[in-house]
């Protein structure tokens, strides 16, 4: 199986993990499977009320945390002081005639690189949709617009090798001796591939989407393997060269 490589970066991201129509809209510290599948489905034109295609079940994800970002909270109000007919409805469709208040959590200045592995036929379909999306992609919430380059590669044979040795790292480092390394966090749905890899912690998250219906969302559990791995510092570089290195990396595939 090959993989697509995506770079998820922007001023704000928000990957809701537990909350739904509650006063506190949380965010996970990394992109959830539910949000990524939702992103793919939107790009393919699959609506919230539509049944999710089975082909998403075959996808496997690896997340490289280039920058974890900083958590920020937005005190957010909708409506209030207006007639009932002009006041925001609650999730149940009723209307209390008062402001709806939420505290929305975001990750500011975070960057993730995600390898999406699966059968080539499925990946080709998703890659084409991401390059010409039916509905524009966003990083968890519609207000969170992704930076470019977004699709780094539409086909890589060995996503592990690409993430560990080739994809530019969106991180600025102080001057270090030649041959130095930088510690980077990885999250995988499968255990690290070789005995020489660092031992991984495990965590269980409830983010496999079953339905995206606004009033019938449901999810299943999955297990993640989290590790911190030493990558060559040559993947990182001065901030002013980052965009050029990313563009060159992404365009290498187009020239091939």
Protein backbone atom coordinates (compact mmCIF):
# COMPACT_ATOMS: atom_id res chain seq x y z
CA UNK A 1 0.00 0.00 0.00
CA UNK A 2 1.20 3.53 -0.78
CA UNK A 3 0.28 6.79 0.96
CA UNK A 4 -0.76 10.42 0.55
CA UNK A 5 1.15 13.02 2.58
CA UNK A 6 -0.77 16.00 3.96
CA UNK A 7 0.58 19.01 5.84
CA UNK A 8 -1.96 20.38 8.31
CA UNK A 9 -0.88 23.90 9.24
CA UNK A 10 -2.61 27.22 9.80
CA UNK A 11 -3.12 30.01 12.33
CA UNK A 12 -5.72 27.88 14.18
CA UNK A 13 -6.78 24.23 14.26
CA UNK A 14 -9.40 22.47 16.39
CA UNK A 15 -9.86 18.71 16.55
CA UNK A 16 -12.96 18.09 18.67
CA UNK A 17 -12.56 14.94 20.73
CA UNK A 18 -15.40 14.65 23.25
CA UNK A 19 -17.76 17.64 23.03
CA UNK A 20 -20.79 17.94 20.78
CA UNK A 21 -23.18 20.88 21.16
CA UNK A 22 -21.88 21.61 24.67
CA UNK A 23 -20.72 24.81 26.33
CA UNK A 24 -17.07 23.73 26.08
CA UNK A 25 -15.83 22.75 22.61
CA UNK A 26 -12.54 20.99 23.28
CA UNK A 27 -9.69 20.01 20.96
CA UNK A 28 -7.46 16.97 20.91
CA UNK A 29 -3.70 17.70 20.73
CA UNK A 30 -3.52 16.05 17.28
CA UNK A 31 -5.79 15.55 14.25
CA UNK A 32 -8.46 12.94 14.99
CA UNK A 33 -9.41 10.17 12.60
CA UNK A 34 -12.99 11.45 12.62
CA UNK A 35 -11.92 14.92 11.48
CA UNK A 36 -9.65 13.56 8.75
CA UNK A 37 -12.31 11.21 7.39
CA UNK A 38 -14.74 14.14 7.48
CA UNK A 39 -12.24 16.21 5.50
CA UNK A 40 -11.94 13.48 2.85
CA UNK A 41 -15.71 13.00 2.69
CA UNK A 42 -16.32 16.73 2.25
CA UNK A 43 -13.74 16.88 -0.54
CA UNK A 44 -15.56 14.00 -2.28
CA UNK A 45 -18.95 15.70 -1.87
CA UNK A 46 -20.36 13.26 0.71
CA UNK A 47 -22.86 15.11 2.94
CA UNK A 48 -23.29 14.81 6.69
CA UNK A 49 -26.55 12.89 6.27
CA UNK A 50 -25.07 10.48 3.72
CA UNK A 51 -23.84 7.05 4.68
CA UNK A 52 -20.05 6.94 5.02
CA UNK A 53 -18.49 4.75 2.31
CA UNK A 54 -16.79 1.59 3.51
CA UNK A 55 -13.55 2.44 1.69
CA UNK A 56 -12.51 4.78 4.52
CA UNK A 57 -12.22 1.74 6.80
CA UNK A 58 -9.15 0.63 4.81
CA UNK A 59 -7.14 3.79 5.54
CA UNK A 60 -4.31 3.80 8.05
CA UNK A 61 -2.91 7.00 9.54
CA UNK A 62 0.48 8.15 10.82
CA UNK A 63 0.74 11.64 12.36
CA UNK A 64 4.08 13.43 12.74
CA UNK A 65 3.87 16.33 15.19
CA UNK A 66 6.10 19.04 13.74
CA UNK A 67 4.81 21.71 16.15
CA UNK A 68 2.25 20.89 18.86
CA UNK A 69 1.01 24.48 18.94
CA UNK A 70 -0.35 26.47 21.86
CA UNK A 71 -3.86 25.90 23.22
CA UNK A 72 -6.04 29.02 23.16
CA UNK A 73 -9.66 29.48 24.27
CA UNK A 74 -12.23 31.72 22.57
CA UNK A 75 -15.16 33.00 24.66
CA UNK A 76 -17.88 32.83 22.02
CA UNK A 77 -21.50 34.04 22.02
CA UNK A 78 -24.27 33.73 19.43
CA UNK A 79 -27.56 35.62 19.64
CA UNK A 80 -29.02 37.24 22.74
CA UNK A 81 -31.23 40.30 23.17
CA UNK A 82 -33.19 39.58 20.00
CA UNK A 83 -36.74 38.33 19.36
CA UNK A 84 -37.13 34.56 19.52
CA UNK A 85 -37.43 34.27 15.74
CA UNK A 86 -33.99 35.88 15.34
CA UNK A 87 -32.18 34.01 18.12
CA UNK A 88 -29.95 31.00 17.52
CA UNK A 89 -31.62 27.64 18.01
CA UNK A 90 -30.20 25.01 20.35
CA UNK A 91 -29.01 21.62 19.11
CA UNK A 92 -32.48 20.18 19.83
CA UNK A 93 -34.13 22.74 17.57
CA UNK A 94 -35.72 24.74 20.40
CA UNK A 95 -35.04 28.37 21.23
CA UNK A 96 -34.47 29.83 24.68
CA UNK A 97 -34.42 33.46 23.59
CA UNK A 98 -30.98 33.99 25.09
CA UNK A 99 -27.38 33.98 23.94
CA UNK A 100 -25.73 30.65 23.30
CA UNK A 101 -22.35 30.79 25.09
CA UNK A 102 -19.45 28.47 24.32
CA UNK A 103 -15.75 28.33 25.08
CA UNK A 104 -13.99 27.02 22.02
CA UNK A 105 -10.53 25.51 22.25
CA UNK A 106 -7.98 25.81 19.45
CA UNK A 107 -4.37 24.93 18.71
CA UNK A 108 -2.49 28.02 17.55
CA UNK A 109 0.55 27.73 15.25
CA UNK A 110 0.45 23.92 15.22
CA UNK A 111 1.81 21.85 12.31
CA UNK A 112 1.19 18.16 11.61
CA UNK A 113 2.25 15.96 8.69
CA UNK A 114 -0.13 13.05 8.12
CA UNK A 115 0.55 9.95 6.04
CA UNK A 116 -2.69 8.36 4.81
CA UNK A 117 -2.01 4.78 3.67
CA UNK A 118 -4.38 2.50 1.81
CA UNK A 119 -5.13 0.74 -1.48
CA UNK A 120 -4.00 2.80 -4.48
CA UNK A 121 -7.48 2.98 -6.01
CA UNK A 122 -8.89 4.59 -2.86
CA UNK A 123 -5.93 6.96 -2.40
CA UNK A 124 -6.08 8.14 -6.01
CA UNK A 125 -9.74 9.03 -5.56
CA UNK A 126 -9.06 10.92 -2.32
CA UNK A 127 -5.99 12.72 -3.71
CA UNK A 128 -7.95 13.95 -6.73
CA UNK A 129 -10.75 15.16 -4.47
CA UNK A 130 -8.34 17.01 -2.18
CA UNK A 131 -6.80 18.83 -5.14
CA UNK A 132 -10.25 19.76 -6.54
CA UNK A 133 -12.56 19.55 -3.50
CA UNK A 134 -16.34 19.64 -3.67
CA UNK A 135 -16.36 21.45 -0.30
CA UNK A 136 -13.28 23.32 0.83
CA UNK A 137 -11.09 21.55 3.42
CA UNK A 138 -10.66 22.97 6.91
CA UNK A 139 -8.73 22.00 10.03
CA UNK A 140 -11.49 20.79 12.31
CA UNK A 141 -13.73 23.87 12.08
CA UNK A 142 -14.81 25.92 9.07
CA UNK A 143 -13.01 28.98 10.43
CA UNK A 144 -9.67 27.09 10.45
CA UNK A 145 -8.31 27.39 6.91
CA UNK A 146 -5.25 25.29 5.99
CA UNK A 147 -2.01 26.80 4.78
CA UNK A 148 -0.34 25.81 1.54
CA UNK A 149 1.21 23.49 0.58
CA UNK A 150 -1.60 21.24 1.82
CA UNK A 151 -1.12 18.06 -0.25
CA UNK A 152 2.64 17.41 -0.13
CA UNK A 153 2.62 14.16 -2.10
CA UNK A 154 -0.23 12.18 -3.66
CA UNK A 155 1.83 8.97 -3.85
CA UNK A 156 4.72 7.67 -1.74
CA UNK A 157 5.71 4.03 -1.54
CA UNK A 158 7.21 4.12 1.97
CA UNK A 159 5.50 6.68 4.23
CA UNK A 160 7.64 5.75 7.25
CA UNK A 161 10.84 6.54 5.37
CA UNK A 162 9.42 9.77 3.97
CA UNK A 163 8.33 11.07 7.37
CA UNK A 164 11.57 10.10 9.09
CA UNK A 165 14.10 11.10 6.42
CA UNK A 166 12.68 13.36 3.70
CA UNK A 167 9.67 15.56 4.54
CA UNK A 168 10.90 19.01 5.70
CA UNK A 169 10.29 19.59 9.40
CA UNK A 170 8.33 22.76 10.25
CA UNK A 171 10.46 23.68 13.20
CA UNK A 172 13.18 26.29 13.78
CA UNK A 173 16.23 25.02 15.66
CA UNK A 174 19.26 26.77 17.16
CA UNK A 175 22.63 26.00 15.62
CA UNK A 176 23.74 22.45 16.45
CA UNK A 177 26.74 20.25 15.61
CA UNK A 178 26.65 18.37 12.34
CA UNK A 179 24.86 15.05 12.72
CA UNK A 180 22.66 16.25 15.60
CA UNK A 181 19.07 15.04 15.89
CA UNK A 182 15.74 16.50 16.97
CA UNK A 183 13.06 14.67 18.97
CA UNK A 184 9.71 14.47 17.18
CA UNK A 185 6.45 12.86 18.34
CA UNK A 186 4.68 10.27 16.16
CA UNK A 187 1.20 8.78 16.52
CA UNK A 188 0.44 5.54 14.68
CA UNK A 189 -2.51 3.19 14.41
CA UNK A 190 -0.06 0.30 14.15
CA UNK A 191 2.95 -0.35 16.41
CA UNK A 192 6.31 1.10 15.31
CA UNK A 193 7.57 -1.09 12.46
CA UNK A 194 10.93 -2.34 13.73
CA UNK A 195 12.50 -3.50 17.02
CA UNK A 196 15.06 -0.70 16.75
CA UNK A 197 12.33 1.94 16.97
CA UNK A 198 11.62 3.58 20.35
CA UNK A 199 9.10 1.91 22.61
CA UNK A 200 5.64 3.40 22.16
CA UNK A 201 2.99 4.35 24.70
CA UNK A 202 -0.61 3.46 23.90
CA UNK A 203 -3.76 5.51 24.23
CA UNK A 204 -7.37 4.81 23.36
CA UNK A 205 -9.42 7.47 21.58
CA UNK A 206 -13.07 7.45 20.58
CA UNK A 207 -12.75 8.92 17.09
CA UNK A 208 -13.60 6.34 14.42
CA UNK A 209 -16.66 7.91 12.75
CA UNK A 210 -19.78 5.82 12.33
CA UNK A 211 -22.11 8.69 11.39
CA UNK A 212 -21.69 12.45 10.88
CA UNK A 213 -25.42 13.20 11.06
CA UNK A 214 -25.73 16.44 13.10
CA UNK A 215 -28.18 14.91 15.57
CA UNK A 216 -26.92 11.34 15.44
CA UNK A 217 -23.14 11.48 15.51
CA UNK A 218 -21.50 8.29 16.72
CA UNK A 219 -17.94 6.97 16.97
CA UNK A 220 -15.99 3.85 17.87
CA UNK A 221 -12.73 3.41 19.78
CA UNK A 222 -9.28 2.88 18.32
CA UNK A 223 -5.83 2.42 19.84
CA UNK A 224 -2.91 4.72 19.04
CA UNK A 225 0.80 4.10 19.56
CA UNK A 226 2.68 7.26 20.57
CA UNK A 227 6.48 7.51 20.37
CA UNK A 228 9.18 10.17 20.40
CA UNK A 229 11.82 9.58 17.73
CA UNK A 230 15.14 11.21 16.85
CA UNK A 231 15.09 12.66 13.34
CA UNK A 232 18.07 14.26 11.57
CA UNK A 233 18.28 17.99 12.19
CA UNK A 234 18.82 18.47 8.45
CA UNK A 235 15.03 18.12 8.04
CA UNK A 236 14.70 21.45 9.87
CA UNK A 237 16.21 24.71 8.76
CA UNK A 238 15.94 28.49 9.05
CA UNK A 239 12.36 29.74 9.18
CA UNK A 240 12.86 31.97 6.14
CA UNK A 241 13.69 28.92 3.98
CA UNK A 242 10.85 26.67 5.20
CA UNK A 243 8.28 27.56 2.55
CA UNK A 244 10.79 27.17 -0.26
CA UNK A 245 11.86 23.75 1.06
CA UNK A 246 8.22 22.63 1.33
CA UNK A 247 7.37 23.84 -2.16
CA UNK A 248 10.45 22.18 -3.62
CA UNK A 249 9.57 18.92 -1.86
CA UNK A 250 5.96 19.01 -3.09
CA UNK A 251 6.95 19.94 -6.66
CA UNK A 252 9.50 17.12 -6.89
CA UNK A 253 6.59 14.71 -7.40
CA UNK A 254 5.09 16.89 -10.13
CA UNK A 255 8.39 16.98 -12.03
CA UNK A 256 8.96 13.22 -11.69
